C-alpha atoms as a PDB file:
ATOM      1  CA  MET A   1      25.364 -34.819 112.879  1.00  0.00           C
ATOM      2  CA  ALA A   2      25.741 -38.551 112.356  1.00  0.00           C
ATOM      3  CA  LYS A   3      22.810 -40.426 110.927  1.00  0.00           C
ATOM      4  CA  ASP A   4      22.583 -42.713 113.961  1.00  0.00           C
ATOM      5  CA  LYS A   5      21.961 -39.659 116.171  1.00  0.00           C
ATOM      6  CA  ILE A   6      18.969 -38.546 114.118  1.00  0.00           C
ATOM      7  CA  LYS A   7      15.582 -39.975 114.948  1.00  0.00           C
ATOM      8  CA  TYR A   8      13.754 -41.204 111.874  1.00  0.00           C
ATOM      9  CA  PHE A   9      10.836 -43.386 110.915  1.00  0.00           C
ATOM     10  CA  LYS A  10       9.873 -45.388 107.865  1.00  0.00           C
ATOM     11  CA  THR A  11       6.982 -45.342 105.446  1.00  0.00           C
ATOM     12  CA  PRO A  12       6.496 -47.906 102.669  1.00  0.00           C
ATOM     13  CA  ILE A  13       5.925 -47.237  98.994  1.00  0.00           C
ATOM     14  CA  ILE A  14       2.245 -47.964  98.473  1.00  0.00           C
ATOM     15  CA  ALA A  15       2.075 -49.487  94.992  1.00  0.00           C
ATOM     16  CA  GLY A  16       3.964 -50.214  91.789  1.00  0.00           C
ATOM     17  CA  LYS A  17       7.246 -51.937  91.072  1.00  0.00           C
ATOM     18  CA  TYR A  18       8.831 -50.791  94.352  1.00  0.00           C
ATOM     19  CA  LYS A  19       5.773 -51.559  96.510  1.00  0.00           C
ATOM     20  CA  GLY A  20       6.715 -52.289 100.117  1.00  0.00           C
ATOM     21  CA  LYS A  21      10.195 -50.752  99.937  1.00  0.00           C
ATOM     22  CA  ASN A  22      10.744 -48.429 102.876  1.00  0.00           C
ATOM     23  CA  ILE A  23      11.481 -44.721 102.706  1.00  0.00           C
ATOM     24  CA  GLU A  24      13.296 -43.273 105.721  1.00  0.00           C
ATOM     25  CA  ILE A  25      12.055 -39.916 106.993  1.00  0.00           C
ATOM     26  CA  PRO A  26      14.080 -37.743 109.395  1.00  0.00           C
ATOM     27  CA  ALA A  27      12.310 -36.396 112.480  1.00  0.00           C
ATOM     28  CA  ILE A  28      13.369 -32.773 111.939  1.00  0.00           C
ATOM     29  CA  ASN A  29      11.134 -29.717 111.999  1.00  0.00           C
ATOM     30  CA  THR A  30      11.660 -28.773 108.341  1.00  0.00           C
ATOM     31  CA  THR A  31      10.500 -32.136 106.993  1.00  0.00           C
ATOM     32  CA  ARG A  32       7.232 -33.999 107.392  1.00  0.00           C
ATOM     33  CA  SER A  33       5.840 -37.045 105.658  1.00  0.00           C
ATOM     34  CA  SER A  34       2.882 -36.805 103.333  1.00  0.00           C
ATOM     35  CA  LYS A  35       0.226 -39.038 104.889  1.00  0.00           C
ATOM     36  CA  SER A  36      -0.269 -42.423 103.260  1.00  0.00           C
ATOM     37  CA  ILE A  37      -3.950 -41.619 102.667  1.00  0.00           C
ATOM     38  CA  LEU A  38      -2.937 -38.383 100.907  1.00  0.00           C
ATOM     39  CA  ARG A  39      -0.338 -40.152  98.751  1.00  0.00           C
ATOM     40  CA  GLU A  40      -2.813 -42.860  97.836  1.00  0.00           C
ATOM     41  CA  SER A  41      -5.456 -40.300  96.888  1.00  0.00           C
ATOM     42  CA  LEU A  42      -2.899 -38.322  94.852  1.00  0.00           C
ATOM     43  CA  PHE A  43      -1.820 -41.300  92.786  1.00  0.00           C
ATOM     44  CA  ASN A  44      -5.369 -42.542  92.377  1.00  0.00           C
ATOM     45  CA  SER A  45      -6.105 -39.109  90.877  1.00  0.00           C
ATOM     46  CA  ILE A  46      -3.199 -38.973  88.440  1.00  0.00           C
ATOM     47  CA  ALA A  47      -3.304 -42.750  87.897  1.00  0.00           C
ATOM     48  CA  TYR A  48      -1.706 -43.818  84.625  1.00  0.00           C
ATOM     49  CA  ASP A  49      -1.167 -40.226  83.444  1.00  0.00           C
ATOM     50  CA  VAL A  50       2.193 -40.172  85.230  1.00  0.00           C
ATOM     51  CA  VAL A  51       3.522 -43.200  83.315  1.00  0.00           C
ATOM     52  CA  ASN A  52       6.520 -42.253  81.124  1.00  0.00           C
ATOM     53  CA  CYS A  53       6.344 -38.623  82.307  1.00  0.00           C
ATOM     54  CA  ASN A  54       8.838 -36.662  84.382  1.00  0.00           C
ATOM     55  CA  PHE A  55       8.003 -35.870  88.001  1.00  0.00           C
ATOM     56  CA  VAL A  56       9.481 -32.879  89.831  1.00  0.00           C
ATOM     57  CA  GLU A  57       9.219 -32.802  93.635  1.00  0.00           C
ATOM     58  CA  LEU A  58      10.073 -29.447  95.166  1.00  0.00           C
ATOM     59  CA  PHE A  59      10.816 -29.299  98.929  1.00  0.00           C
ATOM     60  CA  ALA A  60      11.362 -33.034  98.602  1.00  0.00           C
ATOM     61  CA  GLY A  61      12.317 -33.978 102.146  1.00  0.00           C
ATOM     62  CA  SER A  62      12.532 -37.777 102.087  1.00  0.00           C
ATOM     63  CA  GLY A  63      11.415 -37.955  98.447  1.00  0.00           C
ATOM     64  CA  SER A  64       8.338 -40.037  99.257  1.00  0.00           C
ATOM     65  CA  ILE A  65       6.173 -38.519  96.512  1.00  0.00           C
ATOM     66  CA  GLY A  66       8.744 -38.607  93.709  1.00  0.00           C
ATOM     67  CA  LEU A  67       9.822 -42.154  94.566  1.00  0.00           C
ATOM     68  CA  GLU A  68       6.182 -43.261  94.610  1.00  0.00           C
ATOM     69  CA  ALA A  69       5.837 -41.694  91.146  1.00  0.00           C
ATOM     70  CA  LEU A  70       8.832 -43.693  89.902  1.00  0.00           C
ATOM     71  CA  SER A  71       7.348 -46.846  91.385  1.00  0.00           C
ATOM     72  CA  ARG A  72       4.168 -46.189  89.407  1.00  0.00           C
ATOM     73  CA  GLY A  73       5.904 -45.703  86.083  1.00  0.00           C
ATOM     74  CA  ALA A  74       7.251 -42.158  85.915  1.00  0.00           C
ATOM     75  CA  LYS A  75      10.194 -41.867  83.541  1.00  0.00           C
ATOM     76  CA  LYS A  76      12.444 -39.592  85.617  1.00  0.00           C
ATOM     77  CA  ALA A  77      12.149 -37.874  88.990  1.00  0.00           C
ATOM     78  CA  TYR A  78      13.825 -34.630  90.030  1.00  0.00           C
ATOM     79  CA  PHE A  79      14.121 -33.632  93.697  1.00  0.00           C
ATOM     80  CA  PHE A  80      14.907 -30.272  95.325  1.00  0.00           C
ATOM     81  CA  GLU A  81      16.022 -30.164  98.975  1.00  0.00           C
ATOM     82  CA  LYS A  82      18.137 -27.605 100.853  1.00  0.00           C
ATOM     83  CA  ASN A  83      18.228 -29.004 104.395  1.00  0.00           C
ATOM     84  CA  HIS A  84      21.490 -30.937 104.733  1.00  0.00           C
ATOM     85  CA  ILE A  85      20.043 -33.646 107.016  1.00  0.00           C
ATOM     86  CA  ALA A  86      17.021 -34.246 104.801  1.00  0.00           C
ATOM     87  CA  HIS A  87      19.237 -34.136 101.717  1.00  0.00           C
ATOM     88  CA  ARG A  88      21.493 -36.860 103.066  1.00  0.00           C
ATOM     89  CA  LEU A  89      18.554 -39.143 103.852  1.00  0.00           C
ATOM     90  CA  LEU A  90      16.934 -38.304 100.504  1.00  0.00           C
ATOM     91  CA  LYS A  91      20.120 -39.425  98.779  1.00  0.00           C
ATOM     92  CA  ASP A  92      20.081 -42.696 100.758  1.00  0.00           C
ATOM     93  CA  ASN A  93      16.430 -43.324  99.854  1.00  0.00           C
ATOM     94  CA  ILE A  94      17.126 -42.737  96.172  1.00  0.00           C
ATOM     95  CA  ASN A  95      20.191 -44.989  96.223  1.00  0.00           C
ATOM     96  CA  ASN A  96      18.123 -47.744  97.830  1.00  0.00           C
ATOM     97  CA  ILE A  97      15.155 -47.463  95.479  1.00  0.00           C
ATOM     98  CA  ASP A  98      15.896 -45.909  92.064  1.00  0.00           C
ATOM     99  CA  LYS A  99      19.197 -44.105  91.671  1.00  0.00           C
ATOM    100  CA  GLU A 100      19.284 -44.493  87.885  1.00  0.00           C
ATOM    101  CA  ASN A 101      16.160 -42.448  87.211  1.00  0.00           C
ATOM    102  CA  SER A 102      16.561 -39.801  89.924  1.00  0.00           C
ATOM    103  CA  THR A 103      18.320 -36.436  90.032  1.00  0.00           C
ATOM    104  CA  ILE A 104      18.791 -34.382  93.216  1.00  0.00           C
ATOM    105  CA  PHE A 105      19.269 -30.623  93.362  1.00  0.00           C
ATOM    106  CA  TYR A 106      20.844 -29.642  96.676  1.00  0.00           C
ATOM    107  CA  GLY A 107      19.886 -26.069  97.463  1.00  0.00           C
ATOM    108  CA  ASP A 108      17.054 -23.561  97.419  1.00  0.00           C
ATOM    109  CA  ALA A 109      14.298 -24.571  94.995  1.00  0.00           C
ATOM    110  CA  PHE A 110      13.446 -20.914  94.366  1.00  0.00           C
ATOM    111  CA  GLU A 111      16.978 -20.289  93.107  1.00  0.00           C
ATOM    112  CA  LEU A 112      17.520 -23.544  91.200  1.00  0.00           C
ATOM    113  CA  PHE A 113      14.125 -24.086  89.610  1.00  0.00           C
ATOM    114  CA  ASP A 114      14.522 -22.020  86.426  1.00  0.00           C
ATOM    115  CA  SER A 115      17.469 -24.049  85.161  1.00  0.00           C
ATOM    116  CA  LEU A 116      15.590 -27.369  85.382  1.00  0.00           C
ATOM    117  CA  TYR A 117      12.379 -25.881  84.007  1.00  0.00           C
ATOM    118  CA  ASN A 118      14.153 -24.576  80.909  1.00  0.00           C
ATOM    119  CA  LYS A 119      15.832 -27.944  80.385  1.00  0.00           C
ATOM    120  CA  LEU A 120      12.500 -29.778  80.604  1.00  0.00           C
ATOM    121  CA  LYS A 121      10.898 -27.196  78.324  1.00  0.00           C
ATOM    122  CA  GLU A 122      13.512 -27.918  75.661  1.00  0.00           C
ATOM    123  CA  SER A 123      12.920 -31.668  75.948  1.00  0.00           C
ATOM    124  CA  LYS A 124       9.130 -31.195  75.566  1.00  0.00           C
ATOM    125  CA  GLU A 125       8.571 -34.305  77.717  1.00  0.00           C
ATOM    126  CA  CYS A 126       5.363 -34.356  79.746  1.00  0.00           C
ATOM    127  CA  THR A 127       6.100 -33.281  83.317  1.00  0.00           C
ATOM    128  CA  PHE A 128       4.288 -33.153  86.659  1.00  0.00           C
ATOM    129  CA  PHE A 129       5.308 -30.596  89.291  1.00  0.00           C
ATOM    130  CA  TYR A 130       4.651 -31.281  92.979  1.00  0.00           C
ATOM    131  CA  PHE A 131       4.989 -28.536  95.593  1.00  0.00           C
ATOM    132  CA  ASP A 132       5.011 -29.432  99.284  1.00  0.00           C
ATOM    133  CA  PRO A 133       6.418 -26.346 101.038  1.00  0.00           C
ATOM    134  CA  PRO A 134       7.006 -26.233 104.817  1.00  0.00           C
ATOM    135  CA  PHE A 135       3.900 -25.098 106.679  1.00  0.00           C
ATOM    136  CA  SER A 136       3.784 -21.310 106.968  1.00  0.00           C
ATOM    137  CA  ILE A 137       3.304 -21.505 110.754  1.00  0.00           C
ATOM    138  CA  ARG A 138       6.997 -22.355 111.097  1.00  0.00           C
ATOM    139  CA  ASP A 139       9.457 -19.588 111.918  1.00  0.00           C
ATOM    140  CA  GLY A 140      10.777 -17.867 108.803  1.00  0.00           C
ATOM    141  CA  MET A 141       8.150 -19.461 106.544  1.00  0.00           C
ATOM    142  CA  GLU A 142       5.437 -16.823 106.788  1.00  0.00           C
ATOM    143  CA  ASP A 143       5.711 -15.880 103.093  1.00  0.00           C
ATOM    144  CA  ILE A 144       6.340 -19.390 101.745  1.00  0.00           C
ATOM    145  CA  TYR A 145       3.009 -19.682  99.923  1.00  0.00           C
ATOM    146  CA  ASP A 146       3.374 -16.290  98.246  1.00  0.00           C
ATOM    147  CA  LYS A 147       6.820 -17.342  97.026  1.00  0.00           C
ATOM    148  CA  CYS A 148       5.433 -20.651  95.753  1.00  0.00           C
ATOM    149  CA  ILE A 149       2.617 -18.907  93.874  1.00  0.00           C
ATOM    150  CA  ASN A 150       5.146 -16.608  92.196  1.00  0.00           C
ATOM    151  CA  LEU A 151       7.197 -19.639  91.173  1.00  0.00           C
ATOM    152  CA  ILE A 152       4.159 -21.570  89.942  1.00  0.00           C
ATOM    153  CA  ALA A 153       3.256 -18.570  87.774  1.00  0.00           C
ATOM    154  CA  LYS A 154       6.320 -19.406  85.658  1.00  0.00           C
ATOM    155  CA  ILE A 155       4.913 -22.838  84.808  1.00  0.00           C
ATOM    156  CA  LYS A 156       2.939 -22.142  81.643  1.00  0.00           C
ATOM    157  CA  ASP A 157       4.230 -24.218  78.727  1.00  0.00           C
ATOM    158  CA  PRO A 158       2.544 -27.077  76.816  1.00  0.00           C
ATOM    159  CA  PHE A 159       4.862 -29.776  78.203  1.00  0.00           C
ATOM    160  CA  VAL A 160       3.365 -29.237  81.681  1.00  0.00           C
ATOM    161  CA  SER A 161       0.916 -32.029  82.501  1.00  0.00           C
ATOM    162  CA  MET A 162      -0.108 -30.874  85.966  1.00  0.00           C
ATOM    163  CA  VAL A 163       0.928 -28.831  88.985  1.00  0.00           C
ATOM    164  CA  ILE A 164      -0.079 -30.173  92.399  1.00  0.00           C
ATOM    165  CA  VAL A 165       0.308 -28.282  95.673  1.00  0.00           C
ATOM    166  CA  GLU A 166       0.169 -29.906  99.100  1.00  0.00           C
ATOM    167  CA  HIS A 167      -0.705 -27.152 101.558  1.00  0.00           C
ATOM    168  CA  MET A 168      -2.292 -26.270 104.872  1.00  0.00           C
ATOM    169  CA  THR A 169      -6.069 -26.724 104.795  1.00  0.00           C
ATOM    170  CA  ASP A 170      -6.670 -23.231 106.143  1.00  0.00           C
ATOM    171  CA  ILE A 171      -4.598 -21.651 103.346  1.00  0.00           C
ATOM    172  CA  GLU A 172      -6.779 -20.748 100.370  1.00  0.00           C
ATOM    173  CA  LEU A 173      -4.805 -20.846  97.132  1.00  0.00           C
ATOM    174  CA  PRO A 174      -6.026 -18.960  94.021  1.00  0.00           C
ATOM    175  CA  ASP A 175      -8.300 -20.748  91.560  1.00  0.00           C
ATOM    176  CA  LYS A 176      -6.050 -19.411  88.792  1.00  0.00           C
ATOM    177  CA  ILE A 177      -2.307 -18.809  88.750  1.00  0.00           C
ATOM    178  CA  GLU A 178      -1.417 -17.156  85.444  1.00  0.00           C
ATOM    179  CA  LYS A 179      -2.228 -19.827  82.793  1.00  0.00           C
ATOM    180  CA  LEU A 180      -2.958 -22.561  85.330  1.00  0.00           C
ATOM    181  CA  LYS A 181      -6.477 -23.301  86.558  1.00  0.00           C
ATOM    182  CA  ARG A 182      -7.364 -25.330  89.639  1.00  0.00           C
ATOM    183  CA  PHE A 183      -9.639 -28.226  88.688  1.00  0.00           C
ATOM    184  CA  LYS A 184      -9.590 -30.333  91.863  1.00  0.00           C
ATOM    185  CA  TYR A 185      -9.243 -29.806  95.605  1.00  0.00           C
ATOM    186  CA  LYS A 186      -9.275 -32.361  98.424  1.00  0.00           C
ATOM    187  CA  LYS A 187      -8.722 -32.106 102.186  1.00  0.00           C
ATOM    188  CA  PHE A 188      -6.916 -34.539 104.491  1.00  0.00           C
ATOM    189  CA  GLY A 189      -7.149 -33.184 108.035  1.00  0.00           C
ATOM    190  CA  LYS A 190      -4.609 -30.350 108.336  1.00  0.00           C
ATOM    191  CA  SER A 191      -3.321 -30.900 104.786  1.00  0.00           C
ATOM    192  CA  ALA A 192      -4.963 -30.433 101.398  1.00  0.00           C
ATOM    193  CA  LEU A 193      -4.162 -30.999  97.738  1.00  0.00           C
ATOM    194  CA  SER A 194      -4.855 -28.449  95.003  1.00  0.00           C
ATOM    195  CA  TYR A 195      -4.532 -29.667  91.403  1.00  0.00           C
ATOM    196  CA  TYR A 196      -3.801 -27.267  88.542  1.00  0.00           C
ATOM    197  CA  ARG A 197      -3.419 -27.661  84.802  1.00  0.00           C
ATOM    198  CA  LEU A 198      -3.141 -25.305  81.859  1.00  0.00           C
ATOM    199  CA  GLU A 199      -6.435 -23.588  81.210  1.00  0.00           C
ATOM    200  CA  GLY A 200      -8.259 -25.312  78.383  1.00  0.00           C
ATOM    201  CA  LYS A 201      -6.135 -28.472  78.582  1.00  0.00           C
ATOM    202  CA  TYR A 202      -8.218 -31.651  78.467  1.00  0.00           C
ATOM    203  CA  GLU A 203     -11.431 -29.610  78.375  1.00  0.00           C
END
Protein backbone atom coordinates (compact mmCIF):
# COMPACT_ATOMS: atom_id res chain seq x y z
CA MET A 1 0.00 0.00 0.00
CA ALA A 2 1.43 3.36 -0.99
CA LYS A 3 2.03 5.89 1.73
CA ASP A 4 -0.29 8.43 0.10
CA LYS A 5 -3.18 5.96 0.43
CA ILE A 6 -2.70 5.61 4.18
CA LYS A 7 -4.41 8.09 6.46
CA TYR A 8 -2.06 9.49 9.06
CA PHE A 9 -1.82 12.35 11.50
CA LYS A 10 1.00 14.23 13.16
CA THR A 11 2.08 14.82 16.73
CA PRO A 12 4.96 17.12 17.72
CA ILE A 13 7.91 16.28 19.93
CA ILE A 14 7.15 18.04 23.20
CA ALA A 15 10.55 19.18 24.46
CA GLY A 16 14.31 18.96 23.99
CA LYS A 17 16.57 19.51 21.02
CA TYR A 18 13.96 18.28 18.52
CA LYS A 19 11.03 20.16 20.09
CA GLY A 20 8.30 20.93 17.57
CA LYS A 21 9.44 18.39 14.97
CA ASN A 22 6.49 16.33 13.79
CA ILE A 23 6.10 12.58 14.10
CA GLU A 24 3.76 10.96 11.58
CA ILE A 25 1.41 8.29 12.92
CA PRO A 26 -0.47 5.86 10.65
CA ALA A 27 -4.21 5.45 11.21
CA ILE A 28 -4.12 1.64 11.37
CA ASN A 29 -5.68 -0.56 14.02
CA THR A 30 -2.40 -1.99 15.34
CA THR A 31 -0.89 1.41 16.12
CA ARG A 32 -2.07 4.21 18.37
CA SER A 33 -0.36 7.34 19.60
CA SER A 34 0.57 7.78 23.23
CA LYS A 35 -1.34 10.87 24.36
CA SER A 36 0.68 14.06 24.68
CA ILE A 37 -0.35 14.36 28.34
CA LEU A 38 0.91 10.81 28.97
CA ARG A 39 4.21 11.47 27.19
CA GLU A 40 4.70 14.69 29.10
CA SER A 41 4.00 12.98 32.42
CA LEU A 42 6.36 10.12 31.52
CA PHE A 43 9.28 12.39 30.74
CA ASN A 44 8.58 14.61 33.72
CA SER A 45 8.90 11.44 35.82
CA ILE A 46 12.16 10.17 34.34
CA ALA A 47 13.44 13.72 33.77
CA TYR A 48 17.22 13.90 33.50
CA ASP A 49 17.69 10.22 34.38
CA VAL A 50 17.34 9.32 30.70
CA VAL A 51 20.23 11.58 29.63
CA ASN A 52 23.12 9.54 28.16
CA CYS A 53 21.19 6.28 28.67
CA ASN A 54 19.83 3.88 26.08
CA PHE A 55 16.09 3.76 25.47
CA VAL A 56 14.34 0.66 24.11
CA GLU A 57 10.80 1.06 22.74
CA LEU A 58 9.01 -2.22 22.14
CA PHE A 59 5.87 -2.20 19.94
CA ALA A 60 7.19 1.13 18.71
CA GLY A 61 4.57 2.10 16.15
CA SER A 62 5.53 5.62 15.09
CA GLY A 63 8.43 5.76 17.56
CA SER A 64 7.00 8.75 19.42
CA ILE A 65 8.32 7.70 22.83
CA GLY A 66 11.83 6.71 21.75
CA LEU A 67 12.24 9.82 19.61
CA GLU A 68 11.08 11.99 22.51
CA ALA A 69 13.72 10.25 24.65
CA LEU A 70 16.41 11.10 22.08
CA SER A 71 15.20 14.69 22.00
CA ARG A 72 15.64 14.84 25.78
CA GLY A 73 19.18 13.51 25.78
CA ALA A 74 19.06 9.72 25.52
CA LYS A 75 22.24 8.30 24.02
CA LYS A 76 20.72 5.67 21.71
CA ALA A 77 17.20 4.48 20.95
CA TYR A 78 16.18 1.01 19.81
CA PHE A 79 12.77 0.35 18.23
CA PHE A 80 10.87 -2.90 17.65
CA GLU A 81 7.98 -2.97 15.16
CA LYS A 82 6.52 -5.85 13.12
CA ASN A 83 3.67 -4.19 11.21
CA HIS A 84 5.02 -3.32 7.76
CA ILE A 85 3.02 -0.08 7.41
CA ALA A 86 4.00 1.18 10.85
CA HIS A 87 7.59 0.08 10.25
CA ARG A 88 7.82 2.11 7.06
CA LEU A 89 6.51 5.25 8.75
CA LEU A 90 8.73 4.61 11.79
CA LYS A 91 11.73 4.52 9.46
CA ASP A 92 10.65 7.83 7.89
CA ASN A 93 10.23 9.45 11.31
CA ILE A 94 13.67 8.30 12.40
CA ASN A 95 15.28 9.50 9.17
CA ASN A 96 13.66 12.90 9.64
CA ILE A 97 14.59 13.31 13.30
CA ASP A 98 17.61 11.26 14.46
CA LYS A 99 18.81 8.50 12.17
CA GLU A 100 22.33 8.45 13.61
CA ASN A 101 21.31 7.40 17.11
CA SER A 102 18.44 5.05 16.24
CA THR A 103 18.27 1.34 15.45
CA ILE A 104 15.13 -0.42 14.18
CA PHE A 105 14.35 -4.11 14.59
CA TYR A 106 11.75 -5.18 12.04
CA GLY A 107 9.89 -8.19 13.39
CA ASP A 108 8.32 -9.70 16.48
CA ALA A 109 9.68 -8.15 19.68
CA PHE A 110 9.13 -11.41 21.56
CA GLU A 111 11.45 -13.21 19.15
CA LEU A 112 14.08 -10.50 18.71
CA PHE A 113 14.36 -9.11 22.22
CA ASP A 114 16.92 -11.51 23.71
CA SER A 115 19.61 -10.62 21.19
CA LEU A 116 19.44 -6.88 21.95
CA TYR A 117 19.14 -7.45 25.70
CA ASN A 118 22.31 -9.55 25.77
CA LYS A 119 24.15 -6.93 23.72
CA LEU A 120 23.10 -4.15 26.11
CA LYS A 121 23.98 -6.33 29.09
CA GLU A 122 27.52 -6.73 27.76
CA SER A 123 27.87 -2.97 27.27
CA LYS A 124 26.68 -2.29 30.85
CA GLU A 125 25.21 1.04 29.69
CA CYS A 126 22.19 2.28 31.63
CA THR A 127 19.02 1.41 29.73
CA PHE A 128 15.30 2.18 29.93
CA PHE A 129 12.75 -0.28 28.53
CA TYR A 130 9.34 0.95 27.38
CA PHE A 131 6.51 -1.48 26.62
CA ASP A 132 3.39 -0.26 24.83
CA PRO A 133 1.67 -3.43 23.59
CA PRO A 134 -1.54 -3.33 21.50
CA PHE A 135 -4.63 -3.26 23.70
CA SER A 136 -5.77 -6.78 24.57
CA ILE A 137 -9.31 -6.06 23.34
CA ARG A 138 -8.05 -6.35 19.77
CA ASP A 139 -8.47 -9.64 17.93
CA GLY A 140 -5.54 -11.99 18.50
CA MET A 141 -4.15 -9.91 21.37
CA GLU A 142 -5.97 -11.55 24.27
CA ASP A 143 -2.75 -12.91 25.82
CA ILE A 144 -0.53 -9.92 25.01
CA TYR A 145 -0.08 -8.81 28.62
CA ASP A 146 0.83 -12.30 29.82
CA LYS A 147 3.45 -12.49 27.07
CA CYS A 148 4.80 -9.06 28.04
CA ILE A 149 5.05 -10.04 31.71
CA ASN A 150 7.01 -13.17 30.75
CA LEU A 151 9.37 -11.03 28.67
CA ILE A 152 9.76 -8.40 31.39
CA ALA A 153 10.71 -11.19 33.81
CA LYS A 154 13.95 -11.55 31.83
CA ILE A 155 14.94 -7.96 32.61
CA LYS A 156 16.89 -8.34 35.84
CA ASP A 157 20.46 -7.07 35.45
CA PRO A 158 22.17 -4.04 37.06
CA PHE A 159 22.39 -2.06 33.80
CA VAL A 160 18.57 -1.75 33.77
CA SER A 161 17.53 1.73 34.90
CA MET A 162 13.77 1.30 34.60
CA VAL A 163 10.99 -0.64 32.90
CA ILE A 164 7.84 1.29 32.02
CA VAL A 165 4.62 -0.28 30.74
CA GLU A 166 1.84 1.65 29.03
CA HIS A 167 -1.31 -0.44 29.40
CA MET A 168 -5.08 -0.44 29.60
CA THR A 169 -6.33 1.14 32.83
CA ASP A 170 -8.54 -1.85 33.61
CA ILE A 171 -5.59 -4.27 33.36
CA GLU A 172 -3.93 -4.76 36.74
CA LEU A 173 -0.25 -5.60 36.36
CA PRO A 174 1.68 -7.33 39.19
CA ASP A 175 3.43 -5.20 41.80
CA LYS A 176 6.47 -7.44 41.32
CA ILE A 177 7.79 -9.16 38.21
CA GLU A 178 10.74 -11.33 39.22
CA LYS A 179 13.40 -8.83 40.42
CA LEU A 180 11.45 -5.76 39.33
CA LYS A 181 9.18 -3.85 41.72
CA ARG A 182 6.52 -1.34 40.71
CA PHE A 183 7.15 1.99 42.41
CA LYS A 184 4.77 4.30 40.53
CA TYR A 185 1.42 4.08 38.76
CA LYS A 186 -0.57 6.80 36.99
CA LYS A 187 -3.80 6.77 34.98
CA PHE A 188 -4.66 8.76 31.84
CA GLY A 189 -8.24 7.91 30.87
CA LYS A 190 -8.17 4.48 29.19
CA SER A 191 -4.37 4.24 29.44
CA ALA A 192 -2.04 3.96 32.42
CA LEU A 193 1.68 3.87 33.13
CA SER A 194 3.32 1.39 35.50
CA TYR A 195 6.95 2.07 36.46
CA TYR A 196 9.27 -0.72 37.60
CA ARG A 197 12.87 -0.84 38.75
CA LEU A 198 15.10 -3.46 40.31
CA GLU A 199 14.07 -4.14 43.88
CA GLY A 200 16.31 -2.24 46.26
CA LYS A 201 17.62 0.12 43.57
CA TYR A 202 17.64 3.75 44.69
CA GLU A 203 16.06 2.79 48.02
